Each structure stands twice: as C-alpha cells, then as structure tokens.
C-alpha cells in the first residue's frame, strides 16, 4: 500500500473519531439565572438548554462555604419538553 493511502486512511479515521466524540458530549448553554434570599438561605434557579433541543432547570442552594448544591427539577423539565 502506498504511504499516501495509509496517511489518508489514518487522517480519515482520526476525523471520524473526533466527530463521534464531539457528538457524544452534550453542548449546554445557560439561558436564565434567577436568584433570591430568604431566612433559609440563598438560592437560584439555573435554566439551560442541551444541544439546542432539550431545556432543563436546576434549583441551586449556595452553602455557607460558598459551594453550590443543585437539584434537578424533573417536573419542570417535563413541562418544558413535551
């Protein structure tokens, strides 16, 4: 087999591998953040889309050490994605 044919096939295989791996990871974009505070702590809703198709919402709480704890909202997700 010619060297150029081998290189072409390797390049094609590498391009396919990159294309497949890129499709495997979801693309996410934040669409809205809404925050508030009350006597129980500081909270915010994080709304985002995945691959421009699926919309999701998470309820997040800001902890004392400034870490964030988020919980998915499946009931809201179901309403957003009929």
PDB file of N, CA and C in Angstrom:
ATOM      1  N   UNK A   1       0.844  -1.178   0.000  1.00  0.00           N
ATOM      2  CA  UNK A   1       0.000   0.000   0.000  1.00  0.00           C
ATOM      3  C   UNK A   1       0.888   1.240   0.000  1.00  0.00           C
ATOM      4  N   UNK A   2       0.488   2.250  -0.714  1.00  0.00           N
ATOM      5  CA  UNK A   2       1.266   3.479  -0.782  1.00  0.00           C
ATOM      6  C   UNK A   2       1.184   4.236   0.537  1.00  0.00           C
ATOM      7  N   UNK A   3       2.244   4.981   0.821  1.00  0.00           N
ATOM      8  CA  UNK A   3       2.294   5.770   2.057  1.00  0.00           C
ATOM      9  C   UNK A   3       1.181   6.808   2.082  1.00  0.00           C
ATOM     10  N   UNK A   4       0.895   7.442   0.956  1.00  0.00           N
ATOM     11  CA  UNK A   4      -0.153   8.467   0.933  1.00  0.00           C
ATOM     12  C   UNK A   4      -1.520   7.860   1.205  1.00  0.00           C
ATOM     13  N   UNK A   5      -1.761   6.639   0.760  1.00  0.00           N
ATOM     14  CA  UNK A   5      -3.034   5.975   1.020  1.00  0.00           C
ATOM     15  C   UNK A   5      -3.183   5.672   2.498  1.00  0.00           C
ATOM     16  N   UNK A   6      -2.113   5.204   3.142  1.00  0.00           N
ATOM     17  CA  UNK A   6      -2.141   4.914   4.580  1.00  0.00           C
ATOM     18  C   UNK A   6      -2.393   6.192   5.363  1.00  0.00           C
ATOM     19  N   UNK A   7      -1.695   7.264   5.009  1.00  0.00           N
ATOM     20  CA  UNK A   7      -1.856   8.543   5.710  1.00  0.00           C
ATOM     21  C   UNK A   7      -3.278   9.063   5.522  1.00  0.00           C
ATOM     22  N   UNK A   8      -3.817   8.937   4.317  1.00  0.00           N
ATOM     23  CA  UNK A   8      -5.181   9.384   4.055  1.00  0.00           C
ATOM     24  C   UNK A   8      -6.184   8.607   4.903  1.00  0.00           C
ATOM     25  N   UNK A   9      -6.015   7.293   4.981  1.00  0.00           N
ATOM     26  CA  UNK A   9      -6.923   6.475   5.781  1.00  0.00           C
ATOM     27  C   UNK A   9      -6.805   6.793   7.267  1.00  0.00           C
ATOM     28  N   UNK A  10      -5.591   7.031   7.746  1.00  0.00           N
ATOM     29  CA  UNK A  10      -5.402   7.398   9.156  1.00  0.00           C
ATOM     30  C   UNK A  10      -6.034   8.758   9.451  1.00  0.00           C
ATOM     31  N   UNK A  11      -5.873   9.695   8.540  1.00  0.00           N
ATOM     32  CA  UNK A  11      -6.463  11.020   8.731  1.00  0.00           C
ATOM     33  C   UNK A  11      -7.987  10.930   8.744  1.00  0.00           C
ATOM     34  N   UNK A  12      -8.543  10.113   7.855  1.00  0.00           N
ATOM     35  CA  UNK A  12      -9.986   9.934   7.814  1.00  0.00           C
ATOM     36  C   UNK A  12     -10.500   9.279   9.100  1.00  0.00           C
ATOM     37  N   UNK A  13      -9.780   8.279   9.595  1.00  0.00           N
ATOM     38  CA  UNK A  13     -10.159   7.615  10.845  1.00  0.00           C
ATOM     39  C   UNK A  13     -10.101   8.595  12.020  1.00  0.00           C
ATOM     40  N   UNK A  14      -9.065   9.434  12.058  1.00  0.00           N
ATOM     41  CA  UNK A  14      -8.932  10.424  13.131  1.00  0.00           C
ATOM     42  C   UNK A  14     -10.067  11.440  13.072  1.00  0.00           C
ATOM     43  N   UNK A  15     -10.421  11.881  11.868  1.00  0.00           N
ATOM     44  CA  UNK A  15     -11.516  12.842  11.712  1.00  0.00           C
ATOM     45  C   UNK A  15     -12.838  12.232  12.166  1.00  0.00           C
ATOM     46  N   UNK A  16     -13.064  10.974  11.835  1.00  0.00           N
ATOM     47  CA  UNK A  16     -14.292  10.298  12.270  1.00  0.00           C
ATOM     48  C   UNK A  16     -14.331  10.166  13.791  1.00  0.00           C
ATOM     49  N   UNK A  17     -13.192   9.842  14.391  1.00  0.00           N
ATOM     50  CA  UNK A  17     -13.138   9.697  15.851  1.00  0.00           C
ATOM     51  C   UNK A  17     -13.433  11.018  16.538  1.00  0.00           C
ATOM     52  N   UNK A  18     -12.878  12.108  16.023  1.00  0.00           N
ATOM     53  CA  UNK A  18     -13.135  13.425  16.599  1.00  0.00           C
ATOM     54  C   UNK A  18     -14.606  13.793  16.422  1.00  0.00           C
ATOM     55  N   UNK A  19     -15.160  13.515  15.258  1.00  0.00           N
ATOM     56  CA  UNK A  19     -16.566  13.823  15.008  1.00  0.00           C
ATOM     57  C   UNK A  19     -17.491  13.052  15.919  1.00  0.00           C
ATOM     58  N   UNK A  20     -17.217  11.791  16.151  1.00  0.00           N
ATOM     59  CA  UNK A  20     -18.053  10.970  17.021  1.00  0.00           C
ATOM     60  C   UNK A  20     -17.929  11.420  18.464  1.00  0.00           C
ATOM     61  N   UNK A  21     -16.721  11.709  18.921  1.00  0.00           N
ATOM     62  CA  UNK A  21     -16.546  12.120  20.315  1.00  0.00           C
ATOM     63  C   UNK A  21     -17.165  13.487  20.569  1.00  0.00           C
ATOM     64  N   UNK A  22     -17.156  14.349  19.579  1.00  0.00           N
ATOM     65  CA  UNK A  22     -17.766  15.672  19.748  1.00  0.00           C
ATOM     66  C   UNK A  22     -19.280  15.561  19.875  1.00  0.00           C
ATOM     67  N   UNK A  23     -19.867  14.598  19.202  1.00  0.00           N
ATOM     68  CA  UNK A  23     -21.316  14.419  19.270  1.00  0.00           C
ATOM     69  C   UNK A  23     -21.738  13.768  20.578  1.00  0.00           C
ATOM     70  N   UNK A  24     -20.830  13.066  21.227  1.00  0.00           N
ATOM     71  CA  UNK A  24     -21.172  12.345  22.451  1.00  0.00           C
ATOM     72  C   UNK A  24     -21.384  13.296  23.630  1.00  0.00           C
ATOM     73  N   UNK A  25     -20.629  14.372  23.689  1.00  0.00           N
ATOM     74  CA  UNK A  25     -20.739  15.309  24.806  1.00  0.00           C
ATOM     75  C   UNK A  25     -21.841  16.322  24.514  1.00  0.00           C
ATOM     76  N   UNK A  26     -22.792  16.504  25.433  1.00  0.00           N
ATOM     77  CA  UNK A  26     -23.857  17.479  25.181  1.00  0.00           C
ATOM     78  C   UNK A  26     -23.314  18.904  25.218  1.00  0.00           C
ATOM     79  N   UNK A  27     -23.826  19.734  24.341  1.00  0.00           N
ATOM     80  CA  UNK A  27     -23.492  21.152  24.336  1.00  0.00           C
ATOM     81  C   UNK A  27     -24.537  21.845  25.196  1.00  0.00           C
ATOM     82  N   UNK A  28     -24.098  22.602  26.180  1.00  0.00           N
ATOM     83  CA  UNK A  28     -25.025  23.266  27.087  1.00  0.00           C
ATOM     84  C   UNK A  28     -24.836  24.774  27.011  1.00  0.00           C
ATOM     85  N   UNK A  29     -25.950  25.492  27.122  1.00  0.00           N
ATOM     86  CA  UNK A  29     -25.918  26.946  27.140  1.00  0.00           C
ATOM     87  C   UNK A  29     -26.883  27.438  28.213  1.00  0.00           C
ATOM     88  N   UNK A  30     -26.395  28.277  29.113  1.00  0.00           N
ATOM     89  CA  UNK A  30     -27.242  28.853  30.161  1.00  0.00           C
ATOM     90  C   UNK A  30     -28.166  29.877  29.518  1.00  0.00           C
ATOM     91  N   UNK A  31     -29.458  29.758  29.803  1.00  0.00           N
ATOM     92  CA  UNK A  31     -30.432  30.670  29.218  1.00  0.00           C
ATOM     93  C   UNK A  31     -31.001  31.664  30.224  1.00  0.00           C
ATOM     94  N   UNK A  32     -30.961  31.316  31.523  1.00  0.00           N
ATOM     95  CA  UNK A  32     -31.514  32.223  32.530  1.00  0.00           C
ATOM     96  C   UNK A  32     -31.018  31.826  33.920  1.00  0.00           C
ATOM     97  N   UNK A  33     -30.762  32.827  34.748  1.00  0.00           N
ATOM     98  CA  UNK A  33     -30.444  32.615  36.164  1.00  0.00           C
ATOM     99  C   UNK A  33     -31.284  33.592  36.964  1.00  0.00           C
ATOM    100  N   UNK A  34     -31.975  33.075  37.974  1.00  0.00           N
ATOM    101  CA  UNK A  34     -32.808  33.911  38.828  1.00  0.00           C
ATOM    102  C   UNK A  34     -32.501  33.556  40.281  1.00  0.00           C
ATOM    103  N   UNK A  35     -32.079  34.532  41.081  1.00  0.00           N
ATOM    104  CA  UNK A  35     -31.695  34.257  42.458  1.00  0.00           C
ATOM    105  C   UNK A  35     -32.520  35.021  43.469  1.00  0.00           C
ATOM    106  N   UNK A  36     -32.527  34.516  44.698  1.00  0.00           N
ATOM    107  CA  UNK A  36     -33.217  35.174  45.805  1.00  0.00           C
ATOM    108  C   UNK A  36     -32.658  34.661  47.121  1.00  0.00           C
ATOM    109  N   UNK A  37     -32.963  35.394  48.184  1.00  0.00           N
ATOM    110  CA  UNK A  37     -32.560  35.025  49.542  1.00  0.00           C
ATOM    111  C   UNK A  37     -33.787  35.023  50.437  1.00  0.00           C
ATOM    112  N   UNK A  38     -33.775  34.122  51.407  1.00  0.00           N
ATOM    113  CA  UNK A  38     -34.799  34.130  52.445  1.00  0.00           C
ATOM    114  C   UNK A  38     -34.149  33.685  53.750  1.00  0.00           C
ATOM    115  N   UNK A  39     -34.943  33.458  54.783  1.00  0.00           N
ATOM    116  CA  UNK A  39     -34.377  33.109  56.087  1.00  0.00           C
ATOM    117  C   UNK A  39     -33.707  31.728  56.084  1.00  0.00           C
ATOM    118  N   UNK A  40     -33.968  30.900  55.075  1.00  0.00           N
ATOM    119  CA  UNK A  40     -33.347  29.573  54.988  1.00  0.00           C
ATOM    120  C   UNK A  40     -32.068  29.550  54.169  1.00  0.00           C
ATOM    121  N   UNK A  41     -31.757  30.658  53.486  1.00  0.00           N
ATOM    122  CA  UNK A  41     -30.517  30.712  52.717  1.00  0.00           C
ATOM    123  C   UNK A  41     -30.654  31.428  51.392  1.00  0.00           C
ATOM    124  N   UNK A  42     -29.610  31.289  50.582  1.00  0.00           N
ATOM    125  CA  UNK A  42     -29.557  31.914  49.260  1.00  0.00           C
ATOM    126  C   UNK A  42     -29.753  30.837  48.201  1.00  0.00           C
ATOM    127  N   UNK A  43     -30.600  31.125  47.211  1.00  0.00           N
ATOM    128  CA  UNK A  43     -30.959  30.151  46.182  1.00  0.00           C
ATOM    129  C   UNK A  43     -30.905  30.800  44.812  1.00  0.00           C
ATOM    130  N   UNK A  44     -30.833  29.975  43.787  1.00  0.00           N
ATOM    131  CA  UNK A  44     -31.039  30.449  42.425  1.00  0.00           C
ATOM    132  C   UNK A  44     -31.515  29.304  41.546  1.00  0.00           C
ATOM    133  N   UNK A  45     -32.292  29.668  40.525  1.00  0.00           N
ATOM    134  CA  UNK A  45     -32.695  28.721  39.503  1.00  0.00           C
ATOM    135  C   UNK A  45     -31.744  28.897  38.330  1.00  0.00           C
ATOM    136  N   UNK A  46     -31.307  27.803  37.777  1.00  0.00           N
ATOM    137  CA  UNK A  46     -30.437  27.808  36.614  1.00  0.00           C
ATOM    138  C   UNK A  46     -31.172  27.102  35.482  1.00  0.00           C
ATOM    139  N   UNK A  47     -31.486  27.839  34.432  1.00  0.00           N
ATOM    140  CA  UNK A  47     -32.146  27.259  33.259  1.00  0.00           C
ATOM    141  C   UNK A  47     -31.113  27.169  32.145  1.00  0.00           C
ATOM    142  N   UNK A  48     -31.124  26.038  31.444  1.00  0.00           N
ATOM    143  CA  UNK A  48     -30.164  25.852  30.355  1.00  0.00           C
ATOM    144  C   UNK A  48     -30.737  24.924  29.301  1.00  0.00           C
ATOM    145  N   UNK A  49     -30.121  24.944  28.130  1.00  0.00           N
ATOM    146  CA  UNK A  49     -30.511  24.048  27.054  1.00  0.00           C
ATOM    147  C   UNK A  49     -29.369  23.085  26.772  1.00  0.00           C
ATOM    148  N   UNK A  50     -29.730  21.892  26.296  1.00  0.00           N
ATOM    149  CA  UNK A  50     -28.741  20.907  25.868  1.00  0.00           C
ATOM    150  C   UNK A  50     -28.933  20.668  24.385  1.00  0.00           C
ATOM    151  N   UNK A  51     -27.867  20.868  23.628  1.00  0.00           N
ATOM    152  CA  UNK A  51     -27.881  20.638  22.181  1.00  0.00           C
ATOM    153  C   UNK A  51     -29.008  21.385  21.477  1.00  0.00           C
ATOM    154  N   UNK A  52     -29.397  22.521  21.986  1.00  0.00           N
ATOM    155  CA  UNK A  52     -30.429  23.396  21.429  1.00  0.00           C
ATOM    156  C   UNK A  52     -31.768  22.685  21.252  1.00  0.00           C
ATOM    157  N   UNK A  53     -31.975  21.568  21.963  1.00  0.00           N
ATOM    158  CA  UNK A  53     -33.209  20.810  21.815  1.00  0.00           C
ATOM    159  C   UNK A  53     -33.928  20.669  23.149  1.00  0.00           C
ATOM    160  N   UNK A  54     -33.202  20.270  24.178  1.00  0.00           N
ATOM    161  CA  UNK A  54     -33.783  19.950  25.476  1.00  0.00           C
ATOM    162  C   UNK A  54     -33.535  21.101  26.448  1.00  0.00           C
ATOM    163  N   UNK A  55     -34.591  21.562  27.115  1.00  0.00           N
ATOM    164  CA  UNK A  55     -34.462  22.603  28.138  1.00  0.00           C
ATOM    165  C   UNK A  55     -34.516  21.953  29.511  1.00  0.00           C
ATOM    166  N   UNK A  56     -33.684  22.450  30.420  1.00  0.00           N
ATOM    167  CA  UNK A  56     -33.638  21.895  31.768  1.00  0.00           C
ATOM    168  C   UNK A  56     -33.540  23.037  32.787  1.00  0.00           C
ATOM    169  N   UNK A  57     -33.983  22.736  34.023  1.00  0.00           N
ATOM    170  CA  UNK A  57     -33.911  23.701  35.125  1.00  0.00           C
ATOM    171  C   UNK A  57     -33.360  22.984  36.351  1.00  0.00           C
ATOM    172  N   UNK A  58     -32.470  23.664  37.066  1.00  0.00           N
ATOM    173  CA  UNK A  58     -31.958  23.156  38.338  1.00  0.00           C
ATOM    174  C   UNK A  58     -32.186  24.210  39.417  1.00  0.00           C
ATOM    175  N   UNK A  59     -32.549  23.742  40.610  1.00  0.00           N
ATOM    176  CA  UNK A  59     -32.662  24.615  41.777  1.00  0.00           C
ATOM    177  C   UNK A  59     -31.368  24.460  42.563  1.00  0.00           C
ATOM    178  N   UNK A  60     -30.667  25.567  42.767  1.00  0.00           N
ATOM    179  CA  UNK A  60     -29.362  25.522  43.433  1.00  0.00           C
ATOM    180  C   UNK A  60     -29.394  26.323  44.726  1.00  0.00           C
ATOM    181  N   UNK A  61     -28.699  25.818  45.723  1.00  0.00           N
ATOM    182  CA  UNK A  61     -28.577  26.489  47.022  1.00  0.00           C
ATOM    183  C   UNK A  61     -27.109  26.830  47.241  1.00  0.00           C
ATOM    184  N   UNK A  62     -26.861  28.041  47.672  1.00  0.00           N
ATOM    185  CA  UNK A  62     -25.498  28.467  47.981  1.00  0.00           C
ATOM    186  C   UNK A  62     -25.234  28.128  49.442  1.00  0.00           C
ATOM    187  N   UNK A  63     -24.244  27.287  49.684  1.00  0.00           N
ATOM    188  CA  UNK A  63     -23.934  26.818  51.028  1.00  0.00           C
ATOM    189  C   UNK A  63     -23.056  27.823  51.774  1.00  0.00           C
ATOM    190  N   UNK A  64     -22.861  27.594  53.069  1.00  0.00           N
ATOM    191  CA  UNK A  64     -22.088  28.515  53.913  1.00  0.00           C
ATOM    192  C   UNK A  64     -20.656  28.729  53.410  1.00  0.00           C
ATOM    193  N   UNK A  65     -20.049  27.683  52.834  1.00  0.00           N
ATOM    194  CA  UNK A  65     -18.666  27.803  52.343  1.00  0.00           C
ATOM    195  C   UNK A  65     -18.616  28.261  50.879  1.00  0.00           C
ATOM    196  N   UNK A  66     -19.734  28.810  50.381  1.00  0.00           N
ATOM    197  CA  UNK A  66     -19.890  29.296  49.011  1.00  0.00           C
ATOM    198  C   UNK A  66     -19.893  28.184  47.967  1.00  0.00           C
ATOM    199  N   UNK A  67     -19.968  26.940  48.386  1.00  0.00           N
ATOM    200  CA  UNK A  67     -20.175  25.844  47.443  1.00  0.00           C
ATOM    201  C   UNK A  67     -21.632  25.878  47.004  1.00  0.00           C
ATOM    202  N   UNK A  68     -21.925  25.221  45.906  1.00  0.00           N
ATOM    203  CA  UNK A  68     -23.280  25.214  45.367  1.00  0.00           C
ATOM    204  C   UNK A  68     -23.789  23.779  45.324  1.00  0.00           C
ATOM    205  N   UNK A  69     -25.011  23.600  45.790  1.00  0.00           N
ATOM    206  CA  UNK A  69     -25.662  22.301  45.746  1.00  0.00           C
ATOM    207  C   UNK A  69     -26.905  22.437  44.874  1.00  0.00           C
ATOM    208  N   UNK A  70     -26.929  21.699  43.754  1.00  0.00           N
ATOM    209  CA  UNK A  70     -28.044  21.817  42.802  1.00  0.00           C
ATOM    210  C   UNK A  70     -28.856  20.532  42.742  1.00  0.00           C
ATOM    211  N   UNK A  71     -30.159  20.708  42.537  1.00  0.00           N
ATOM    212  CA  UNK A  71     -31.086  19.593  42.417  1.00  0.00           C
ATOM    213  C   UNK A  71     -31.858  19.776  41.110  1.00  0.00           C
ATOM    214  N   UNK A  72     -31.932  18.703  40.317  1.00  0.00           N
ATOM    215  CA  UNK A  72     -32.685  18.771  39.078  1.00  0.00           C
ATOM    216  C   UNK A  72     -34.170  18.905  39.377  1.00  0.00           C
ATOM    217  N   UNK A  73     -34.897  19.486  38.446  1.00  0.00           N
ATOM    218  CA  UNK A  73     -36.326  19.720  38.589  1.00  0.00           C
ATOM    219  C   UNK A  73     -37.068  18.957  37.480  1.00  0.00           C
ATOM    220  N   UNK A  74     -37.264  17.634  37.646  1.00  0.00           N
ATOM    221  CA  UNK A  74     -37.844  16.830  36.562  1.00  0.00           C
ATOM    222  C   UNK A  74     -39.266  17.241  36.183  1.00  0.00           C
ATOM    223  N   UNK A  75     -40.052  17.730  37.124  1.00  0.00           N
ATOM    224  CA  UNK A  75     -41.416  18.157  36.796  1.00  0.00           C
ATOM    225  C   UNK A  75     -41.383  19.382  35.860  1.00  0.00           C
ATOM    226  N   UNK A  76     -40.480  20.304  36.127  1.00  0.00           N
ATOM    227  CA  UNK A  76     -40.348  21.489  35.271  1.00  0.00           C
ATOM    228  C   UNK A  76     -39.786  21.076  33.915  1.00  0.00           C
ATOM    229  N   UNK A  77     -38.783  20.207  33.909  1.00  0.00           N
ATOM    230  CA  UNK A  77     -38.193  19.724  32.659  1.00  0.00           C
ATOM    231  C   UNK A  77     -39.261  19.078  31.772  1.00  0.00           C
ATOM    232  N   UNK A  78     -40.150  18.328  32.377  1.00  0.00           N
ATOM    233  CA  UNK A  78     -41.208  17.655  31.630  1.00  0.00           C
ATOM    234  C   UNK A  78     -42.152  18.670  30.996  1.00  0.00           C
ATOM    235  N   UNK A  79     -42.443  19.751  31.714  1.00  0.00           N
ATOM    236  CA  UNK A  79     -43.298  20.810  31.155  1.00  0.00           C
ATOM    237  C   UNK A  79     -42.607  21.537  29.998  1.00  0.00           C
ATOM    238  N   UNK A  80     -41.303  21.725  30.100  1.00  0.00           N
ATOM    239  CA  UNK A  80     -40.556  22.428  29.071  1.00  0.00           C
ATOM    240  C   UNK A  80     -40.324  21.599  27.817  1.00  0.00           C
ATOM    241  N   UNK A  81     -40.356  20.274  27.963  1.00  0.00           N
ATOM    242  CA  UNK A  81     -40.059  19.376  26.857  1.00  0.00           C
ATOM    243  C   UNK A  81     -41.187  18.383  26.642  1.00  0.00           C
ATOM    244  N   UNK A  82     -42.312  18.873  26.064  1.00  0.00           N
ATOM    245  CA  UNK A  82     -43.477  17.978  25.910  1.00  0.00           C
ATOM    246  C   UNK A  82     -43.223  16.847  24.925  1.00  0.00           C
TER     247      UNK A  82
END
